[in-house]
Amino acid sequence: MKVKATLKGDSAEVKIMAESLMAGKEEAAAKKLPAEEYITHITAKLNGKTVWEASTGPFLSKDPYFKFDINGAKAGDEIVVDSVDNKGKKDTGTAKIK
């Protein structure tokens, strides 16, 4: 997972590129993929406090991209993004706000 965070005024713009097939049962069968795989939940924390989260499913495109702003962020603050997929696999990405 790739995470970038850029300070823009009094807020930070966060961009996340997650890596997942995002394929449900029907799509996996149709595309002859080995198994269904999709992110079910993704959470972003700023200095340990949850500031953004989303519940997802196989309806998103492969390797989904997320973008959001966090008000009150400062340069040097750390963003930690965690995701979990339908098989229980977890992924984490971090970035310092620049």
C-alpha atoms as a PDB file:
ATOM      1  CA  MET A   1       0.000   0.000   0.000  1.00  0.00           C
ATOM      2  CA  LYS A   2       1.315   3.425  -0.931  1.00  0.00           C
ATOM      3  CA  VAL A   3       0.414   6.465   1.174  1.00  0.00           C
ATOM      4  CA  LYS A   4       1.253  10.118   0.459  1.00  0.00           C
ATOM      5  CA  ALA A   5       0.303  13.122   2.580  1.00  0.00           C
ATOM      6  CA  THR A   6       0.845  16.753   1.604  1.00  0.00           C
ATOM      7  CA  LEU A   7       0.105  19.830   3.692  1.00  0.00           C
ATOM      8  CA  LYS A   8      -2.191  22.286   1.904  1.00  0.00           C
ATOM      9  CA  GLY A   9      -2.948  25.278   4.115  1.00  0.00           C
ATOM     10  CA  ASP A  10      -4.434  24.070   7.413  1.00  0.00           C
ATOM     11  CA  SER A  11      -5.293  20.601   6.114  1.00  0.00           C
ATOM     12  CA  ALA A  12      -3.445  17.622   4.701  1.00  0.00           C
ATOM     13  CA  GLU A  13      -4.340  15.905   1.442  1.00  0.00           C
ATOM     14  CA  VAL A  14      -3.935  12.142   1.814  1.00  0.00           C
ATOM     15  CA  LYS A  15      -3.697   9.778  -1.159  1.00  0.00           C
ATOM     16  CA  ILE A  16      -3.790   5.998  -0.804  1.00  0.00           C
ATOM     17  CA  MET A  17      -3.136   3.380  -3.474  1.00  0.00           C
ATOM     18  CA  ALA A  18      -4.168  -0.009  -2.101  1.00  0.00           C
ATOM     19  CA  GLU A  19      -3.200  -3.284  -3.751  1.00  0.00           C
ATOM     20  CA  SER A  20      -6.035  -5.787  -4.183  1.00  0.00           C
ATOM     21  CA  LEU A  21      -7.791  -7.666  -6.980  1.00  0.00           C
ATOM     22  CA  MET A  22     -11.136  -6.423  -5.594  1.00  0.00           C
ATOM     23  CA  ALA A  23     -12.829  -9.430  -7.191  1.00  0.00           C
ATOM     24  CA  GLY A  24     -15.967 -11.030  -5.772  1.00  0.00           C
ATOM     25  CA  LYS A  25     -17.014 -14.629  -6.347  1.00  0.00           C
ATOM     26  CA  GLU A  26     -18.684 -14.041  -9.737  1.00  0.00           C
ATOM     27  CA  GLU A  27     -15.888 -11.848 -11.105  1.00  0.00           C
ATOM     28  CA  ALA A  28     -13.191 -14.264  -9.894  1.00  0.00           C
ATOM     29  CA  ALA A  29     -14.954 -17.131 -11.673  1.00  0.00           C
ATOM     30  CA  ALA A  30     -15.519 -15.130 -14.870  1.00  0.00           C
ATOM     31  CA  LYS A  31     -11.897 -13.933 -15.051  1.00  0.00           C
ATOM     32  CA  LYS A  32     -10.540 -17.318 -13.930  1.00  0.00           C
ATOM     33  CA  LEU A  33      -8.785 -15.795 -10.923  1.00  0.00           C
ATOM     34  CA  PRO A  34      -7.532 -18.232  -8.262  1.00  0.00           C
ATOM     35  CA  ALA A  35      -9.881 -16.902  -5.565  1.00  0.00           C
ATOM     36  CA  GLU A  36     -12.071 -13.983  -4.628  1.00  0.00           C
ATOM     37  CA  GLU A  37     -10.125 -11.158  -2.971  1.00  0.00           C
ATOM     38  CA  TYR A  38     -11.249  -7.711  -1.901  1.00  0.00           C
ATOM     39  CA  ILE A  39     -10.602  -5.154   0.819  1.00  0.00           C
ATOM     40  CA  THR A  40     -13.412  -5.070   3.377  1.00  0.00           C
ATOM     41  CA  HIS A  41     -12.253  -2.251   5.653  1.00  0.00           C
ATOM     42  CA  ILE A  42      -9.663   0.526   5.530  1.00  0.00           C
ATOM     43  CA  THR A  43      -8.792   2.966   8.329  1.00  0.00           C
ATOM     44  CA  ALA A  44      -6.534   6.032   8.493  1.00  0.00           C
ATOM     45  CA  LYS A  45      -5.118   7.349  11.745  1.00  0.00           C
ATOM     46  CA  LEU A  46      -3.385  10.667  12.384  1.00  0.00           C
ATOM     47  CA  ASN A  47      -0.975  10.406  15.313  1.00  0.00           C
ATOM     48  CA  GLY A  48      -2.932   7.380  16.595  1.00  0.00           C
ATOM     49  CA  LYS A  49      -6.428   8.912  16.282  1.00  0.00           C
ATOM     50  CA  THR A  50      -8.843   7.544  13.658  1.00  0.00           C
ATOM     51  CA  VAL A  51      -9.631  10.323  11.168  1.00  0.00           C
ATOM     52  CA  TRP A  52     -11.072   8.387   8.200  1.00  0.00           C
ATOM     53  CA  GLU A  53     -12.443   4.916   7.541  1.00  0.00           C
ATOM     54  CA  ALA A  54     -14.378   3.056   4.885  1.00  0.00           C
ATOM     55  CA  SER A  55     -16.104  -0.288   4.540  1.00  0.00           C
ATOM     56  CA  THR A  56     -15.682  -1.606   1.014  1.00  0.00           C
ATOM     57  CA  GLY A  57     -16.451  -4.657  -1.074  1.00  0.00           C
ATOM     58  CA  PRO A  58     -15.766  -6.191  -4.474  1.00  0.00           C
ATOM     59  CA  PHE A  59     -17.582  -3.315  -6.206  1.00  0.00           C
ATOM     60  CA  LEU A  60     -14.382  -1.193  -6.357  1.00  0.00           C
ATOM     61  CA  SER A  61     -11.833  -1.418  -9.162  1.00  0.00           C
ATOM     62  CA  LYS A  62      -8.589  -3.367  -8.910  1.00  0.00           C
ATOM     63  CA  ASP A  63      -5.949  -1.568  -6.792  1.00  0.00           C
ATOM     64  CA  PRO A  64      -8.357   1.114  -5.521  1.00  0.00           C
ATOM     65  CA  TYR A  65      -7.309   4.736  -5.005  1.00  0.00           C
ATOM     66  CA  PHE A  66      -8.603   6.834  -2.118  1.00  0.00           C
ATOM     67  CA  LYS A  67      -8.153  10.565  -1.527  1.00  0.00           C
ATOM     68  CA  PHE A  68      -9.322  12.713   1.395  1.00  0.00           C
ATOM     69  CA  ASP A  69      -8.384  15.788   3.451  1.00  0.00           C
ATOM     70  CA  ILE A  70      -7.645  16.013   7.169  1.00  0.00           C
ATOM     71  CA  ASN A  71      -8.216  19.371   8.846  1.00  0.00           C
ATOM     72  CA  GLY A  72      -5.814  20.541  11.549  1.00  0.00           C
ATOM     73  CA  ALA A  73      -2.868  18.397  10.421  1.00  0.00           C
ATOM     74  CA  LYS A  74       0.706  19.691  10.662  1.00  0.00           C
ATOM     75  CA  ALA A  75       3.921  18.974   8.787  1.00  0.00           C
ATOM     76  CA  GLY A  76       5.663  15.996  10.376  1.00  0.00           C
ATOM     77  CA  ASP A  77       2.458  14.356  11.643  1.00  0.00           C
ATOM     78  CA  GLU A  78       2.234  10.654  10.838  1.00  0.00           C
ATOM     79  CA  ILE A  79      -0.588   9.002   8.903  1.00  0.00           C
ATOM     80  CA  VAL A  80      -0.999   5.231   9.365  1.00  0.00           C
ATOM     81  CA  VAL A  81      -3.396   3.400   7.047  1.00  0.00           C
ATOM     82  CA  ASP A  82      -4.523  -0.155   7.811  1.00  0.00           C
ATOM     83  CA  SER A  83      -6.628  -2.423   5.612  1.00  0.00           C
ATOM     84  CA  VAL A  84      -8.069  -5.897   5.969  1.00  0.00           C
ATOM     85  CA  ASP A  85      -9.452  -8.097   3.192  1.00  0.00           C
ATOM     86  CA  ASN A  86     -12.124 -10.776   3.100  1.00  0.00           C
ATOM     87  CA  LYS A  87      -9.544 -13.493   3.868  1.00  0.00           C
ATOM     88  CA  GLY A  88      -8.244 -11.657   6.965  1.00  0.00           C
ATOM     89  CA  LYS A  89      -5.043 -10.472   5.281  1.00  0.00           C
ATOM     90  CA  LYS A  90      -3.856  -7.151   6.715  1.00  0.00           C
ATOM     91  CA  ASP A  91      -1.772  -4.413   5.104  1.00  0.00           C
ATOM     92  CA  THR A  92      -0.353  -1.196   6.530  1.00  0.00           C
ATOM     93  CA  GLY A  93       1.085   1.935   4.953  1.00  0.00           C
ATOM     94  CA  THR A  94       2.531   5.031   6.624  1.00  0.00           C
ATOM     95  CA  ALA A  95       3.518   8.527   5.598  1.00  0.00           C
ATOM     96  CA  LYS A  96       4.757  11.693   7.253  1.00  0.00           C
ATOM     97  CA  ILE A  97       2.927  14.840   6.203  1.00  0.00           C
ATOM     98  CA  LYS A  98       5.228  17.005   4.090  1.00  0.00           C
END
